[in-house]
C-alpha cells in the first residue's frame, strides 16, 4: 500500500519504525475524530506489516545460518 505521508521504509532502521508506530498509537488515542483515527490506523497497519516482514526476514536468516542455530549450544560428547 502506498501513502504519500509515509516515509520510505528502507530508509528507516528497526528502532525508527518502532518509534513511529508508538507515536502513531499515541496520536490515535489523542484524537476524537473518526476520520483521522481511520487514516492513522491505516498507517499503523503499514508500519506493523513492515515490522512483521523485517522480523520474518531476521528469523529466516537465523534459521538459514547454522552457526547461529541452537545446535551448537549443546555439545554432547
PDB file of N, CA and C in Angstrom:
ATOM      1  N   UNK A   1       0.837  -1.166   0.000  1.00  0.00           N
ATOM      2  CA  UNK A   1       0.000   0.000   0.000  1.00  0.00           C
ATOM      3  C   UNK A   1       0.889   1.237   0.000  1.00  0.00           C
ATOM      4  N   UNK A   2       0.486   2.237  -0.745  1.00  0.00           N
ATOM      5  CA  UNK A   2       1.260   3.462  -0.855  1.00  0.00           C
ATOM      6  C   UNK A   2       0.526   4.606  -0.175  1.00  0.00           C
ATOM      7  N   UNK A   3       1.262   5.380   0.579  1.00  0.00           N
ATOM      8  CA  UNK A   3       0.711   6.575   1.204  1.00  0.00           C
ATOM      9  C   UNK A   3       1.778   7.663   1.104  1.00  0.00           C
ATOM     10  N   UNK A   4       1.452   8.800   0.505  1.00  0.00           N
ATOM     11  CA  UNK A   4       2.465   9.851   0.331  1.00  0.00           C
ATOM     12  C   UNK A   4       2.934  10.459   1.651  1.00  0.00           C
ATOM     13  N   UNK A   5       2.207  10.224   2.731  1.00  0.00           N
ATOM     14  CA  UNK A   5       2.601  10.783   4.021  1.00  0.00           C
ATOM     15  C   UNK A   5       3.560   9.886   4.789  1.00  0.00           C
ATOM     16  N   UNK A   6       3.826   8.707   4.256  1.00  0.00           N
ATOM     17  CA  UNK A   6       4.675   7.736   4.939  1.00  0.00           C
ATOM     18  C   UNK A   6       6.045   7.719   4.275  1.00  0.00           C
ATOM     19  N   UNK A   7       7.085   7.756   5.107  1.00  0.00           N
ATOM     20  CA  UNK A   7       8.455   7.686   4.600  1.00  0.00           C
ATOM     21  C   UNK A   7       8.726   6.321   3.977  1.00  0.00           C
ATOM     22  N   UNK A   8       9.744   6.279   3.149  1.00  0.00           N
ATOM     23  CA  UNK A   8      10.181   5.015   2.572  1.00  0.00           C
ATOM     24  C   UNK A   8      10.757   4.154   3.693  1.00  0.00           C
ATOM     25  N   UNK A   9      10.224   2.950   3.852  1.00  0.00           N
ATOM     26  CA  UNK A   9      10.641   2.084   4.954  1.00  0.00           C
ATOM     27  C   UNK A   9      12.103   1.677   4.861  1.00  0.00           C
ATOM     28  N   UNK A  10      12.638   1.605   3.664  1.00  0.00           N
ATOM     29  CA  UNK A  10      14.031   1.174   3.517  1.00  0.00           C
ATOM     30  C   UNK A  10      15.000   2.200   4.100  1.00  0.00           C
ATOM     31  N   UNK A  11      14.547   3.430   4.274  1.00  0.00           N
ATOM     32  CA  UNK A  11      15.405   4.478   4.837  1.00  0.00           C
ATOM     33  C   UNK A  11      15.390   4.486   6.359  1.00  0.00           C
ATOM     34  N   UNK A  12      14.505   3.691   6.961  1.00  0.00           N
ATOM     35  CA  UNK A  12      14.333   3.701   8.412  1.00  0.00           C
ATOM     36  C   UNK A  12      14.942   2.457   9.050  1.00  0.00           C
ATOM     37  N   UNK A  13      15.519   2.638  10.211  1.00  0.00           N
ATOM     38  CA  UNK A  13      16.017   1.496  10.977  1.00  0.00           C
ATOM     39  C   UNK A  13      14.845   0.844  11.703  1.00  0.00           C
ATOM     40  N   UNK A  14      15.084  -0.326  12.270  1.00  0.00           N
ATOM     41  CA  UNK A  14      14.034  -1.018  13.025  1.00  0.00           C
ATOM     42  C   UNK A  14      13.538  -0.165  14.185  1.00  0.00           C
ATOM     43  N   UNK A  15      14.468   0.482  14.878  1.00  0.00           N
ATOM     44  CA  UNK A  15      14.089   1.330  16.015  1.00  0.00           C
ATOM     45  C   UNK A  15      13.242   2.516  15.571  1.00  0.00           C
ATOM     46  N   UNK A  16      13.586   3.097  14.441  1.00  0.00           N
ATOM     47  CA  UNK A  16      12.817   4.231  13.945  1.00  0.00           C
ATOM     48  C   UNK A  16      11.399   3.809  13.557  1.00  0.00           C
ATOM     49  N   UNK A  17      11.262   2.631  12.969  1.00  0.00           N
ATOM     50  CA  UNK A  17       9.932   2.130  12.616  1.00  0.00           C
ATOM     51  C   UNK A  17       9.115   1.905  13.877  1.00  0.00           C
ATOM     52  N   UNK A  18       9.730   1.310  14.902  1.00  0.00           N
ATOM     53  CA  UNK A  18       9.025   1.081  16.162  1.00  0.00           C
ATOM     54  C   UNK A  18       8.642   2.393  16.836  1.00  0.00           C
ATOM     55  N   UNK A  19       9.531   3.389  16.793  1.00  0.00           N
ATOM     56  CA  UNK A  19       9.235   4.688  17.389  1.00  0.00           C
ATOM     57  C   UNK A  19       8.069   5.364  16.676  1.00  0.00           C
ATOM     58  N   UNK A  20       8.057   5.297  15.352  1.00  0.00           N
ATOM     59  CA  UNK A  20       6.959   5.904  14.594  1.00  0.00           C
ATOM     60  C   UNK A  20       5.646   5.192  14.883  1.00  0.00           C
ATOM     61  N   UNK A  21       5.697   3.887  15.021  1.00  0.00           N
ATOM     62  CA  UNK A  21       4.492   3.131  15.332  1.00  0.00           C
ATOM     63  C   UNK A  21       3.969   3.520  16.718  1.00  0.00           C
ATOM     64  N   UNK A  22       4.868   3.637  17.681  1.00  0.00           N
ATOM     65  CA  UNK A  22       4.481   4.062  19.029  1.00  0.00           C
ATOM     66  C   UNK A  22       3.867   5.463  19.003  1.00  0.00           C
ATOM     67  N   UNK A  23       4.488   6.365  18.255  1.00  0.00           N
ATOM     68  CA  UNK A  23       3.994   7.732  18.142  1.00  0.00           C
ATOM     69  C   UNK A  23       2.604   7.766  17.492  1.00  0.00           C
ATOM     70  N   UNK A  24       2.402   6.952  16.468  1.00  0.00           N
ATOM     71  CA  UNK A  24       1.093   6.892  15.816  1.00  0.00           C
ATOM     72  C   UNK A  24       0.017   6.355  16.760  1.00  0.00           C
ATOM     73  N   UNK A  25       0.368   5.376  17.573  1.00  0.00           N
ATOM     74  CA  UNK A  25      -0.601   4.844  18.543  1.00  0.00           C
ATOM     75  C   UNK A  25      -1.013   5.919  19.545  1.00  0.00           C
ATOM     76  N   UNK A  26      -0.048   6.702  19.964  1.00  0.00           N
ATOM     77  CA  UNK A  26      -0.338   7.788  20.905  1.00  0.00           C
ATOM     78  C   UNK A  26      -1.264   8.810  20.250  1.00  0.00           C
ATOM     79  N   UNK A  27      -0.962   9.176  19.019  1.00  0.00           N
ATOM     80  CA  UNK A  27      -1.784  10.157  18.311  1.00  0.00           C
ATOM     81  C   UNK A  27      -3.179   9.612  18.022  1.00  0.00           C
ATOM     82  N   UNK A  28      -3.282   8.325  17.766  1.00  0.00           N
ATOM     83  CA  UNK A  28      -4.576   7.705  17.514  1.00  0.00           C
ATOM     84  C   UNK A  28      -5.512   7.913  18.696  1.00  0.00           C
ATOM     85  N   UNK A  29      -4.992   7.695  19.893  1.00  0.00           N
ATOM     86  CA  UNK A  29      -5.834   7.820  21.082  1.00  0.00           C
ATOM     87  C   UNK A  29      -6.033   9.258  21.516  1.00  0.00           C
ATOM     88  N   UNK A  30      -5.221  10.171  21.027  1.00  0.00           N
ATOM     89  CA  UNK A  30      -5.385  11.569  21.376  1.00  0.00           C
ATOM     90  C   UNK A  30      -6.523  12.228  20.604  1.00  0.00           C
ATOM     91  N   UNK A  31      -6.766  11.778  19.400  1.00  0.00           N
ATOM     92  CA  UNK A  31      -7.798  12.405  18.578  1.00  0.00           C
ATOM     93  C   UNK A  31      -9.150  11.740  18.796  1.00  0.00           C
ATOM     94  N   UNK A  32     -10.178  12.516  18.614  1.00  0.00           N
ATOM     95  CA  UNK A  32     -11.553  12.000  18.735  1.00  0.00           C
ATOM     96  C   UNK A  32     -12.249  11.991  17.377  1.00  0.00           C
ATOM     97  N   UNK A  33     -11.522  12.411  16.345  1.00  0.00           N
ATOM     98  CA  UNK A  33     -12.075  12.474  15.005  1.00  0.00           C
ATOM     99  C   UNK A  33     -11.983  11.090  14.354  1.00  0.00           C
ATOM    100  N   UNK A  34     -13.107  10.446  14.038  1.00  0.00           N
ATOM    101  CA  UNK A  34     -13.081   9.092  13.469  1.00  0.00           C
ATOM    102  C   UNK A  34     -12.364   9.009  12.122  1.00  0.00           C
ATOM    103  N   UNK A  35     -12.459  10.059  11.330  1.00  0.00           N
ATOM    104  CA  UNK A  35     -11.782  10.049  10.030  1.00  0.00           C
ATOM    105  C   UNK A  35     -10.268  10.061  10.201  1.00  0.00           C
ATOM    106  N   UNK A  36      -9.798  10.854  11.121  1.00  0.00           N
ATOM    107  CA  UNK A  36      -8.360  10.908  11.393  1.00  0.00           C
ATOM    108  C   UNK A  36      -7.898   9.589  12.005  1.00  0.00           C
ATOM    109  N   UNK A  37      -8.696   9.040  12.913  1.00  0.00           N
ATOM    110  CA  UNK A  37      -8.348   7.748  13.503  1.00  0.00           C
ATOM    111  C   UNK A  37      -8.241   6.667  12.431  1.00  0.00           C
ATOM    112  N   UNK A  38      -9.119   6.706  11.451  1.00  0.00           N
ATOM    113  CA  UNK A  38      -9.069   5.711  10.375  1.00  0.00           C
ATOM    114  C   UNK A  38      -7.793   5.857   9.557  1.00  0.00           C
ATOM    115  N   UNK A  39      -7.424   7.087   9.238  1.00  0.00           N
ATOM    116  CA  UNK A  39      -6.195   7.320   8.476  1.00  0.00           C
ATOM    117  C   UNK A  39      -4.967   6.876   9.268  1.00  0.00           C
ATOM    118  N   UNK A  40      -4.949   7.193  10.552  1.00  0.00           N
ATOM    119  CA  UNK A  40      -3.827   6.782  11.401  1.00  0.00           C
ATOM    120  C   UNK A  40      -3.778   5.261  11.492  1.00  0.00           C
ATOM    121  N   UNK A  41      -4.932   4.637  11.575  1.00  0.00           N
ATOM    122  CA  UNK A  41      -4.990   3.182  11.658  1.00  0.00           C
ATOM    123  C   UNK A  41      -4.392   2.525  10.417  1.00  0.00           C
ATOM    124  N   UNK A  42      -4.679   3.074   9.262  1.00  0.00           N
ATOM    125  CA  UNK A  42      -4.122   2.534   8.014  1.00  0.00           C
ATOM    126  C   UNK A  42      -2.594   2.643   8.025  1.00  0.00           C
ATOM    127  N   UNK A  43      -2.091   3.789   8.456  1.00  0.00           N
ATOM    128  CA  UNK A  43      -0.637   3.983   8.506  1.00  0.00           C
ATOM    129  C   UNK A  43      -0.015   3.075   9.565  1.00  0.00           C
ATOM    130  N   UNK A  44      -0.696   2.904  10.703  1.00  0.00           N
ATOM    131  CA  UNK A  44      -0.184   1.992  11.741  1.00  0.00           C
ATOM    132  C   UNK A  44      -0.099   0.570  11.199  1.00  0.00           C
ATOM    133  N   UNK A  45      -1.083   0.158  10.416  1.00  0.00           N
ATOM    134  CA  UNK A  45      -1.049  -1.173   9.816  1.00  0.00           C
ATOM    135  C   UNK A  45       0.125  -1.323   8.857  1.00  0.00           C
ATOM    136  N   UNK A  46       0.446  -0.260   8.126  1.00  0.00           N
ATOM    137  CA  UNK A  46       1.598  -0.306   7.217  1.00  0.00           C
ATOM    138  C   UNK A  46       2.898  -0.502   8.007  1.00  0.00           C
ATOM    139  N   UNK A  47       3.055   0.251   9.087  1.00  0.00           N
ATOM    140  CA  UNK A  47       4.261   0.121   9.911  1.00  0.00           C
ATOM    141  C   UNK A  47       4.313  -1.254  10.594  1.00  0.00           C
ATOM    142  N   UNK A  48       3.179  -1.731  11.063  1.00  0.00           N
ATOM    143  CA  UNK A  48       3.142  -3.049  11.708  1.00  0.00           C
ATOM    144  C   UNK A  48       3.516  -4.146  10.721  1.00  0.00           C
ATOM    145  N   UNK A  49       3.015  -4.044   9.511  1.00  0.00           N
ATOM    146  CA  UNK A  49       3.345  -5.031   8.483  1.00  0.00           C
ATOM    147  C   UNK A  49       4.832  -4.989   8.149  1.00  0.00           C
ATOM    148  N   UNK A  50       5.396  -3.797   8.094  1.00  0.00           N
ATOM    149  CA  UNK A  50       6.830  -3.668   7.836  1.00  0.00           C
ATOM    150  C   UNK A  50       7.644  -4.329   8.949  1.00  0.00           C
ATOM    151  N   UNK A  51       7.244  -4.120  10.207  1.00  0.00           N
ATOM    152  CA  UNK A  51       7.954  -4.763  11.311  1.00  0.00           C
ATOM    153  C   UNK A  51       7.819  -6.276  11.238  1.00  0.00           C
ATOM    154  N   UNK A  52       6.649  -6.754  10.859  1.00  0.00           N
ATOM    155  CA  UNK A  52       6.429  -8.192  10.722  1.00  0.00           C
ATOM    156  C   UNK A  52       7.346  -8.770   9.637  1.00  0.00           C
ATOM    157  N   UNK A  53       7.445  -8.091   8.512  1.00  0.00           N
ATOM    158  CA  UNK A  53       8.306  -8.555   7.412  1.00  0.00           C
ATOM    159  C   UNK A  53       9.771  -8.560   7.844  1.00  0.00           C
ATOM    160  N   UNK A  54      10.189  -7.524   8.531  1.00  0.00           N
ATOM    161  CA  UNK A  54      11.587  -7.458   8.977  1.00  0.00           C
ATOM    162  C   UNK A  54      11.911  -8.565   9.980  1.00  0.00           C
ATOM    163  N   UNK A  55      10.995  -8.824  10.889  1.00  0.00           N
ATOM    164  CA  UNK A  55      11.229  -9.896  11.871  1.00  0.00           C
ATOM    165  C   UNK A  55      11.238 -11.261  11.201  1.00  0.00           C
ATOM    166  N   UNK A  56      10.379 -11.449  10.207  1.00  0.00           N
ATOM    167  CA  UNK A  56      10.355 -12.721   9.482  1.00  0.00           C
ATOM    168  C   UNK A  56      11.663 -12.929   8.720  1.00  0.00           C
ATOM    169  N   UNK A  57      12.189 -11.866   8.115  1.00  0.00           N
ATOM    170  CA  UNK A  57      13.480 -11.968   7.413  1.00  0.00           C
ATOM    171  C   UNK A  57      14.599 -12.313   8.392  1.00  0.00           C
ATOM    172  N   UNK A  58      14.576 -11.680   9.568  1.00  0.00           N
ATOM    173  CA  UNK A  58      15.613 -11.951  10.570  1.00  0.00           C
ATOM    174  C   UNK A  58      15.531 -13.402  11.041  1.00  0.00           C
ATOM    175  N   UNK A  59      14.313 -13.898  11.251  1.00  0.00           N
ATOM    176  CA  UNK A  59      14.147 -15.292  11.670  1.00  0.00           C
ATOM    177  C   UNK A  59      14.619 -16.245  10.578  1.00  0.00           C
ATOM    178  N   UNK A  60      14.315 -15.924   9.328  1.00  0.00           N
ATOM    179  CA  UNK A  60      14.734 -16.766   8.214  1.00  0.00           C
ATOM    180  C   UNK A  60      16.256 -16.807   8.109  1.00  0.00           C
ATOM    181  N   UNK A  61      16.898 -15.662   8.280  1.00  0.00           N
ATOM    182  CA  UNK A  61      18.353 -15.615   8.229  1.00  0.00           C
ATOM    183  C   UNK A  61      18.958 -16.410   9.378  1.00  0.00           C
ATOM    184  N   UNK A  62      18.350 -16.342  10.548  1.00  0.00           N
ATOM    185  CA  UNK A  62      18.827 -17.103  11.698  1.00  0.00           C
ATOM    186  C   UNK A  62      18.690 -18.596  11.446  1.00  0.00           C
ATOM    187  N   UNK A  63      17.575 -19.001  10.859  1.00  0.00           N
ATOM    188  CA  UNK A  63      17.355 -20.417  10.575  1.00  0.00           C
ATOM    189  C   UNK A  63      18.252 -20.924   9.460  1.00  0.00           C
ATOM    190  N   UNK A  64      18.600 -20.059   8.514  1.00  0.00           N
ATOM    191  CA  UNK A  64      19.445 -20.464   7.394  1.00  0.00           C
ATOM    192  C   UNK A  64      20.921 -20.543   7.778  1.00  0.00           C
ATOM    193  N   UNK A  65      21.334 -19.828   8.796  1.00  0.00           N
ATOM    194  CA  UNK A  65      22.734 -19.793   9.199  1.00  0.00           C
ATOM    195  C   UNK A  65      22.971 -20.820  10.310  1.00  0.00           C
ATOM    196  N   UNK A  66      23.639 -21.938   9.988  1.00  0.00           N
ATOM    197  CA  UNK A  66      23.842 -22.971  11.004  1.00  0.00           C
ATOM    198  C   UNK A  66      24.733 -22.531  12.166  1.00  0.00           C
ATOM    199  N   UNK A  67      25.558 -21.517  11.967  1.00  0.00           N
ATOM    200  CA  UNK A  67      26.431 -21.034  13.037  1.00  0.00           C
ATOM    201  C   UNK A  67      25.624 -20.349  14.147  1.00  0.00           C
ATOM    202  N   UNK A  68      24.483 -19.807  13.806  1.00  0.00           N
ATOM    203  CA  UNK A  68      23.679 -19.088  14.793  1.00  0.00           C
ATOM    204  C   UNK A  68      22.567 -19.954  15.374  1.00  0.00           C
ATOM    205  N   UNK A  69      22.467 -21.173  14.935  1.00  0.00           N
ATOM    206  CA  UNK A  69      21.406 -22.049  15.406  1.00  0.00           C
ATOM    207  C   UNK A  69      21.649 -22.544  16.817  1.00  0.00           C
ATOM    208  N   UNK A  70      20.671 -23.234  17.369  1.00  0.00           N
ATOM    209  CA  UNK A  70      20.778 -23.754  18.722  1.00  0.00           C
ATOM    210  C   UNK A  70      21.573 -25.055  18.789  1.00  0.00           C
ATOM    211  N   UNK A  71      21.813 -25.687  17.637  1.00  0.00           N
ATOM    212  CA  UNK A  71      22.522 -26.956  17.627  1.00  0.00           C
ATOM    213  C   UNK A  71      23.933 -26.863  18.199  1.00  0.00           C
ATOM    214  N   UNK A  72      24.574 -25.720  18.046  1.00  0.00           N
ATOM    215  CA  UNK A  72      25.950 -25.569  18.514  1.00  0.00           C
ATOM    216  C   UNK A  72      26.036 -25.220  19.999  1.00  0.00           C
ATOM    217  N   UNK A  73      24.910 -24.954  20.644  1.00  0.00           N
ATOM    218  CA  UNK A  73      24.949 -24.575  22.047  1.00  0.00           C
ATOM    219  C   UNK A  73      25.159 -25.775  22.963  1.00  0.00           C
ATOM    220  N   UNK A  74      24.654 -26.922  22.551  1.00  0.00           N
ATOM    221  CA  UNK A  74      24.770 -28.119  23.371  1.00  0.00           C
ATOM    222  C   UNK A  74      25.767 -29.063  22.714  1.00  0.00           C
ATOM    223  N   UNK A  75      26.814 -29.384  23.447  1.00  0.00           N
ATOM    224  CA  UNK A  75      27.834 -30.281  22.926  1.00  0.00           C
ATOM    225  C   UNK A  75      27.813 -31.556  23.753  1.00  0.00           C
ATOM    226  N   UNK A  76      27.326 -32.619  23.162  1.00  0.00           N
ATOM    227  CA  UNK A  76      27.268 -33.903  23.858  1.00  0.00           C
ATOM    228  C   UNK A  76      28.439 -34.753  23.351  1.00  0.00           C
ATOM    229  N   UNK A  77      29.326 -35.108  24.269  1.00  0.00           N
ATOM    230  CA  UNK A  77      30.483 -35.905  23.875  1.00  0.00           C
ATOM    231  C   UNK A  77      30.489 -37.218  24.615  1.00  0.00           C
TER     232      UNK A  77
END
